[in-house]
C-alpha atoms as a PDB file:
ATOM      1  CA  MET A   1      46.157 -28.767  48.468  1.00  0.00           C
ATOM      2  CA  MET A   2      45.373 -29.780  52.083  1.00  0.00           C
ATOM      3  CA  LYS A   3      46.823 -26.493  53.368  1.00  0.00           C
ATOM      4  CA  CYS A   4      44.466 -24.474  51.169  1.00  0.00           C
ATOM      5  CA  LEU A   5      41.346 -26.414  52.205  1.00  0.00           C
ATOM      6  CA  PRO A   6      40.869 -24.726  55.631  1.00  0.00           C
ATOM      7  CA  VAL A   7      41.339 -21.286  54.090  1.00  0.00           C
ATOM      8  CA  LEU A   8      38.885 -22.140  51.330  1.00  0.00           C
ATOM      9  CA  LEU A   9      36.296 -23.398  53.864  1.00  0.00           C
ATOM     10  CA  VAL A  10      36.622 -20.250  56.016  1.00  0.00           C
ATOM     11  CA  THR A  11      36.262 -18.085  52.911  1.00  0.00           C
ATOM     12  CA  LEU A  12      33.127 -19.964  51.826  1.00  0.00           C
ATOM     13  CA  ILE A  13      31.580 -19.718  55.300  1.00  0.00           C
ATOM     14  CA  LEU A  14      32.288 -15.990  55.573  1.00  0.00           C
ATOM     15  CA  SER A  15      30.921 -15.278  52.110  1.00  0.00           C
ATOM     16  CA  ALA A  16      27.784 -17.307  52.872  1.00  0.00           C
ATOM     17  CA  CYS A  17      27.263 -15.377  56.113  1.00  0.00           C
ATOM     18  CA  GLY A  18      27.798 -12.090  54.319  1.00  0.00           C
ATOM     19  CA  ASN A  19      25.151 -12.916  51.738  1.00  0.00           C
ATOM     20  CA  SER A  20      22.574 -14.000  54.322  1.00  0.00           C
ATOM     21  CA  LEU A  21      23.029 -10.785  56.306  1.00  0.00           C
ATOM     22  CA  SER A  22      22.505  -8.368  53.441  1.00  0.00           C
ATOM     23  CA  PRO A  23      19.514  -6.247  54.399  1.00  0.00           C
ATOM     24  CA  ALA A  24      16.185  -6.266  52.599  1.00  0.00           C
ATOM     25  CA  TYR A  25      14.097  -3.078  52.592  1.00  0.00           C
ATOM     26  CA  TYR A  26      10.290  -2.904  52.625  1.00  0.00           C
ATOM     27  CA  GLN A  27       7.704  -0.282  51.758  1.00  0.00           C
ATOM     28  CA  ILE A  28       3.981  -0.396  52.599  1.00  0.00           C
ATOM     29  CA  PRO A  29       2.110  -0.808  49.270  1.00  0.00           C
ATOM     30  CA  LEU A  30       0.055   2.179  48.112  1.00  0.00           C
ATOM     31  CA  THR A  31      -3.358   1.720  46.510  1.00  0.00           C
ATOM     32  CA  VAL A  32      -2.956   4.587  44.020  1.00  0.00           C
ATOM     33  CA  SER A  33      -0.170   7.001  43.268  1.00  0.00           C
ATOM     34  CA  PRO A  34      -0.348  10.247  45.276  1.00  0.00           C
ATOM     35  CA  VAL A  35      -0.437  12.305  42.046  1.00  0.00           C
ATOM     36  CA  SER A  36      -3.511  10.440  40.720  1.00  0.00           C
ATOM     37  CA  ALA A  37      -5.270  10.829  44.057  1.00  0.00           C
ATOM     38  CA  GLN A  38      -4.716  14.591  44.132  1.00  0.00           C
ATOM     39  CA  LEU A  39      -6.106  14.975  40.616  1.00  0.00           C
ATOM     40  CA  GLN A  40      -9.358  13.272  41.663  1.00  0.00           C
ATOM     41  CA  ASN A  41     -10.017  15.804  44.434  1.00  0.00           C
ATOM     42  CA  THR A  42     -11.629  18.615  42.464  1.00  0.00           C
ATOM     43  CA  THR A  43     -14.543  19.805  44.586  1.00  0.00           C
ATOM     44  CA  GLY A  44     -14.345  22.023  47.618  1.00  0.00           C
ATOM     45  CA  ALA A  45     -17.651  20.982  49.239  1.00  0.00           C
ATOM     46  CA  SER A  46     -16.031  19.579  52.392  1.00  0.00           C
ATOM     47  CA  PRO A  47     -13.143  21.097  54.310  1.00  0.00           C
ATOM     48  CA  ALA A  48      -9.739  19.693  53.574  1.00  0.00           C
ATOM     49  CA  LEU A  49      -8.648  16.795  55.762  1.00  0.00           C
ATOM     50  CA  TRP A  50      -5.211  17.155  57.275  1.00  0.00           C
ATOM     51  CA  VAL A  51      -3.613  13.850  58.265  1.00  0.00           C
ATOM     52  CA  ASP A  52      -1.674  15.433  61.106  1.00  0.00           C
ATOM     53  CA  ARG A  53       0.417  12.551  62.400  1.00  0.00           C
ATOM     54  CA  VAL A  54       0.783   8.832  62.867  1.00  0.00           C
ATOM     55  CA  THR A  55       2.377   7.911  66.189  1.00  0.00           C
ATOM     56  CA  MET A  56       3.529   4.558  67.510  1.00  0.00           C
ATOM     57  CA  PRO A  57       5.521   3.047  70.394  1.00  0.00           C
ATOM     58  CA  ASP A  58       9.315   2.919  70.184  1.00  0.00           C
ATOM     59  CA  TYR A  59       9.495  -0.785  69.358  1.00  0.00           C
ATOM     60  CA  LEU A  60       7.480  -0.185  66.175  1.00  0.00           C
ATOM     61  CA  SER A  61       9.158   3.067  65.167  1.00  0.00           C
ATOM     62  CA  GLY A  62      12.621   1.577  64.655  1.00  0.00           C
ATOM     63  CA  ASN A  63      14.094   0.431  61.346  1.00  0.00           C
ATOM     64  CA  GLY A  64      13.331  -3.289  61.717  1.00  0.00           C
ATOM     65  CA  VAL A  65      10.109  -5.073  60.830  1.00  0.00           C
ATOM     66  CA  VAL A  66       8.577  -6.433  64.072  1.00  0.00           C
ATOM     67  CA  TYR A  67       7.524 -10.036  64.645  1.00  0.00           C
ATOM     68  CA  GLN A  68       5.782 -11.255  67.809  1.00  0.00           C
ATOM     69  CA  THR A  69       7.135 -14.683  68.832  1.00  0.00           C
ATOM     70  CA  SER A  70       4.951 -15.242  71.934  1.00  0.00           C
ATOM     71  CA  SER A  71       2.327 -13.412  73.931  1.00  0.00           C
ATOM     72  CA  VAL A  72       5.076 -11.337  75.592  1.00  0.00           C
ATOM     73  CA  LYS A  73       8.096 -11.484  73.269  1.00  0.00           C
ATOM     74  CA  TYR A  74       8.780  -9.348  70.195  1.00  0.00           C
ATOM     75  CA  VAL A  75      11.691  -9.613  67.777  1.00  0.00           C
ATOM     76  CA  ILE A  76      12.848  -6.616  65.766  1.00  0.00           C
ATOM     77  CA  ALA A  77      14.443  -7.788  62.529  1.00  0.00           C
ATOM     78  CA  VAL A  78      18.033  -6.775  61.845  1.00  0.00           C
ATOM     79  CA  SER A  79      18.113  -7.660  58.142  1.00  0.00           C
ATOM     80  CA  HIS A  80      14.475  -6.909  57.232  1.00  0.00           C
ATOM     81  CA  LEU A  81      14.163  -3.146  57.451  1.00  0.00           C
ATOM     82  CA  TRP A  82      11.691  -0.432  56.562  1.00  0.00           C
ATOM     83  CA  ALA A  83      12.836   1.513  53.492  1.00  0.00           C
ATOM     84  CA  SER A  84      11.832   4.774  55.195  1.00  0.00           C
ATOM     85  CA  PRO A  85      10.509   5.493  58.705  1.00  0.00           C
ATOM     86  CA  LEU A  86       7.335   3.483  59.306  1.00  0.00           C
ATOM     87  CA  ASP A  87       5.323   6.438  60.614  1.00  0.00           C
ATOM     88  CA  GLN A  88       6.050   8.336  57.371  1.00  0.00           C
ATOM     89  CA  GLN A  89       5.089   5.317  55.255  1.00  0.00           C
ATOM     90  CA  LEU A  90       1.813   4.879  57.135  1.00  0.00           C
ATOM     91  CA  LYS A  91       0.970   8.578  56.845  1.00  0.00           C
ATOM     92  CA  GLN A  92       1.716   8.586  53.107  1.00  0.00           C
ATOM     93  CA  ALA A  93      -0.339   5.419  52.580  1.00  0.00           C
ATOM     94  CA  LEU A  94      -3.228   6.863  54.619  1.00  0.00           C
ATOM     95  CA  VAL A  95      -3.273  10.066  52.555  1.00  0.00           C
ATOM     96  CA  SER A  96      -3.181   8.009  49.357  1.00  0.00           C
ATOM     97  CA  ASN A  97      -5.862   5.543  50.491  1.00  0.00           C
ATOM     98  CA  LEU A  98      -8.239   8.231  51.804  1.00  0.00           C
ATOM     99  CA  SER A  99      -7.774  10.270  48.625  1.00  0.00           C
ATOM    100  CA  ALA A 100      -8.812   7.234  46.564  1.00  0.00           C
ATOM    101  CA  GLN A 101     -11.779   6.463  48.842  1.00  0.00           C
ATOM    102  CA  LEU A 102     -12.996  10.078  49.127  1.00  0.00           C
ATOM    103  CA  PRO A 103     -12.465  11.517  45.632  1.00  0.00           C
ATOM    104  CA  GLY A 104     -14.505  14.656  46.380  1.00  0.00           C
ATOM    105  CA  ARG A 105     -12.349  15.622  49.342  1.00  0.00           C
ATOM    106  CA  VAL A 106      -8.875  17.152  49.531  1.00  0.00           C
ATOM    107  CA  ILE A 107      -6.690  14.927  51.741  1.00  0.00           C
ATOM    108  CA  SER A 108      -3.267  16.280  52.640  1.00  0.00           C
ATOM    109  CA  ALA A 109      -0.228  15.612  54.797  1.00  0.00           C
ATOM    110  CA  LEU A 110      -0.047  19.393  55.317  1.00  0.00           C
ATOM    111  CA  PRO A 111      -2.685  21.725  56.797  1.00  0.00           C
ATOM    112  CA  LEU A 112      -4.664  23.399  54.013  1.00  0.00           C
ATOM    113  CA  GLY A 113      -7.187  26.185  54.414  1.00  0.00           C
ATOM    114  CA  THR A 114      -8.071  28.029  57.578  1.00  0.00           C
ATOM    115  CA  ARG A 115      -9.786  25.225  59.504  1.00  0.00           C
ATOM    116  CA  PRO A 116      -9.145  21.811  57.989  1.00  0.00           C
ATOM    117  CA  ASP A 117     -10.564  18.724  59.604  1.00  0.00           C
ATOM    118  CA  THR A 118      -7.693  17.049  61.445  1.00  0.00           C
ATOM    119  CA  LEU A 119      -6.927  13.335  61.732  1.00  0.00           C
ATOM    120  CA  SER A 120      -4.356  11.862  64.121  1.00  0.00           C
ATOM    121  CA  VAL A 121      -3.664   8.137  64.333  1.00  0.00           C
ATOM    122  CA  ASN A 122      -1.970   6.199  67.134  1.00  0.00           C
ATOM    123  CA  VAL A 123      -0.752   2.755  66.074  1.00  0.00           C
ATOM    124  CA  THR A 124      -0.264   0.310  68.973  1.00  0.00           C
ATOM    125  CA  GLY A 125       0.225  -2.885  66.953  1.00  0.00           C
ATOM    126  CA  PHE A 126       1.735  -3.388  63.513  1.00  0.00           C
ATOM    127  CA  GLN A 127       3.466  -6.770  63.429  1.00  0.00           C
ATOM    128  CA  GLY A 128       3.371 -10.380  62.396  1.00  0.00           C
ATOM    129  CA  ARG A 129       2.534 -12.955  65.030  1.00  0.00           C
ATOM    130  CA  TYR A 130       3.677 -16.507  65.862  1.00  0.00           C
ATOM    131  CA  ASP A 131       0.286 -18.023  64.942  1.00  0.00           C
ATOM    132  CA  GLY A 132       0.409 -16.836  61.314  1.00  0.00           C
ATOM    133  CA  LYS A 133      -1.700 -13.748  61.964  1.00  0.00           C
ATOM    134  CA  VAL A 134      -0.906 -10.080  61.387  1.00  0.00           C
ATOM    135  CA  ILE A 135      -1.881  -7.431  63.927  1.00  0.00           C
ATOM    136  CA  VAL A 136      -2.890  -3.859  63.035  1.00  0.00           C
ATOM    137  CA  SER A 137      -4.296  -1.998  66.043  1.00  0.00           C
ATOM    138  CA  GLY A 138      -4.607   1.436  67.578  1.00  0.00           C
ATOM    139  CA  ASP A 139      -7.008   4.355  67.489  1.00  0.00           C
ATOM    140  CA  TRP A 140      -7.654   7.533  65.555  1.00  0.00           C
ATOM    141  CA  VAL A 141      -8.961  10.945  66.531  1.00  0.00           C
ATOM    142  CA  LEU A 142     -10.902  13.114  64.075  1.00  0.00           C
ATOM    143  CA  GLN A 143     -11.489  16.772  64.831  1.00  0.00           C
ATOM    144  CA  GLN A 144     -14.117  18.484  62.678  1.00  0.00           C
ATOM    145  CA  GLY A 145     -14.591  22.046  63.861  1.00  0.00           C
ATOM    146  CA  ASP A 146     -15.543  21.798  67.521  1.00  0.00           C
ATOM    147  CA  GLN A 147     -16.467  18.112  67.322  1.00  0.00           C
ATOM    148  CA  ILE A 148     -13.923  15.464  68.283  1.00  0.00           C
ATOM    149  CA  GLU A 149     -14.429  11.769  67.690  1.00  0.00           C
ATOM    150  CA  ARG A 150     -12.198   8.900  68.728  1.00  0.00           C
ATOM    151  CA  ARG A 151     -12.432   5.360  67.352  1.00  0.00           C
ATOM    152  CA  GLY A 152     -10.327   2.278  67.882  1.00  0.00           C
ATOM    153  CA  PHE A 153      -9.262  -0.383  65.405  1.00  0.00           C
ATOM    154  CA  ASP A 154      -8.053  -3.896  66.168  1.00  0.00           C
ATOM    155  CA  LEU A 155      -7.513  -6.046  63.112  1.00  0.00           C
ATOM    156  CA  VAL A 156      -6.201  -9.620  63.123  1.00  0.00           C
ATOM    157  CA  LEU A 157      -5.574 -10.782  59.556  1.00  0.00           C
ATOM    158  CA  PRO A 158      -4.368 -14.163  58.286  1.00  0.00           C
ATOM    159  CA  GLN A 159      -0.969 -14.193  56.599  1.00  0.00           C
ATOM    160  CA  HIS A 160      -1.465 -16.616  53.713  1.00  0.00           C
ATOM    161  CA  HIS A 161       2.210 -17.102  52.801  1.00  0.00           C
ATOM    162  CA  ASP A 162       5.458 -17.281  54.757  1.00  0.00           C
ATOM    163  CA  GLY A 163       8.122 -14.609  54.657  1.00  0.00           C
ATOM    164  CA  TYR A 164       8.583 -10.919  55.111  1.00  0.00           C
ATOM    165  CA  ASP A 165       7.184 -10.005  51.679  1.00  0.00           C
ATOM    166  CA  ALA A 166       3.861 -11.605  52.601  1.00  0.00           C
ATOM    167  CA  LEU A 167       3.978 -10.035  56.068  1.00  0.00           C
ATOM    168  CA  VAL A 168       4.445  -6.517  54.660  1.00  0.00           C
ATOM    169  CA  LYS A 169       1.709  -7.044  52.053  1.00  0.00           C
ATOM    170  CA  THR A 170      -0.702  -8.212  54.764  1.00  0.00           C
ATOM    171  CA  LEU A 171       0.232  -5.255  56.985  1.00  0.00           C
ATOM    172  CA  GLY A 172      -0.524  -3.015  53.991  1.00  0.00           C
ATOM    173  CA  GLN A 173      -3.894  -4.728  53.563  1.00  0.00           C
ATOM    174  CA  GLY A 174      -4.671  -4.106  57.236  1.00  0.00           C
ATOM    175  CA  TRP A 175      -3.715  -0.454  56.912  1.00  0.00           C
ATOM    176  CA  GLN A 176      -5.992  -0.217  53.867  1.00  0.00           C
ATOM    177  CA  GLU A 177      -8.862  -1.581  55.993  1.00  0.00           C
ATOM    178  CA  VAL A 178      -8.158   1.056  58.650  1.00  0.00           C
ATOM    179  CA  SER A 179      -8.405   3.767  55.987  1.00  0.00           C
ATOM    180  CA  VAL A 180     -11.743   2.307  54.827  1.00  0.00           C
ATOM    181  CA  GLN A 181     -13.072   2.554  58.407  1.00  0.00           C
ATOM    182  CA  ILE A 182     -11.928   6.178  58.625  1.00  0.00           C
ATOM    183  CA  SER A 183     -13.380   7.097  55.208  1.00  0.00           C
ATOM    184  CA  ARG A 184     -16.760   5.590  56.170  1.00  0.00           C
ATOM    185  CA  GLN A 185     -16.816   7.708  59.321  1.00  0.00           C
ATOM    186  CA  LEU A 186     -15.875  10.817  57.333  1.00  0.00           C
ATOM    187  CA  SER A 187     -18.662  10.085  54.830  1.00  0.00           C
ATOM    188  CA  GLN A 188     -21.200   9.637  57.644  1.00  0.00           C
ATOM    189  CA  SER A 189     -20.028  12.822  59.346  1.00  0.00           C
ATOM    190  CA  SER A 190     -20.456  14.886  56.170  1.00  0.00           C
ATOM    191  CA  VAL A 191     -23.964  13.439  55.618  1.00  0.00           C
ATOM    192  CA  ASN A 192     -24.996  14.296  59.192  1.00  0.00           C
ATOM    193  CA  LYS A 193     -23.873  17.946  58.890  1.00  0.00           C
END
């Protein structure tokens, strides 16, 4: 019995380590399904809006969810991963959110028509932070015909619960707020035309 005890302990330790290292995958929550959003867009009064791209720095574009542990240190999670590339998730969520917020407008991840309005977004911050806050920052550029407008966004949101699930949900909430800012600008631009 004593000879089996060390082997049993090593086996238990290795199995415990294996279970704690199994990866978890996260997806930014969508406000509505993309199919429902496309069905709402029935009028052609405004040009289509092409969400051209969402760019971000290398540390955010990897597989791991990012957490800022000090003013200068960032940790990229090894076991808490994005289910698909983050830039693709953010683009998909932006198309979905804008479609829900602008039901009279065709919003697409592909260029439609001869001269669609074009939206490009540069994300510079998309992480949890050591003080219990979540950062969503960057800027977006909207081209409507010959007019180009650039606006920044810098959101600091409270994370009300611990853990990666809460972090991803709060990041999704921040991204939703960014889409609201963009949709307001698009609504103002169409009124001023």
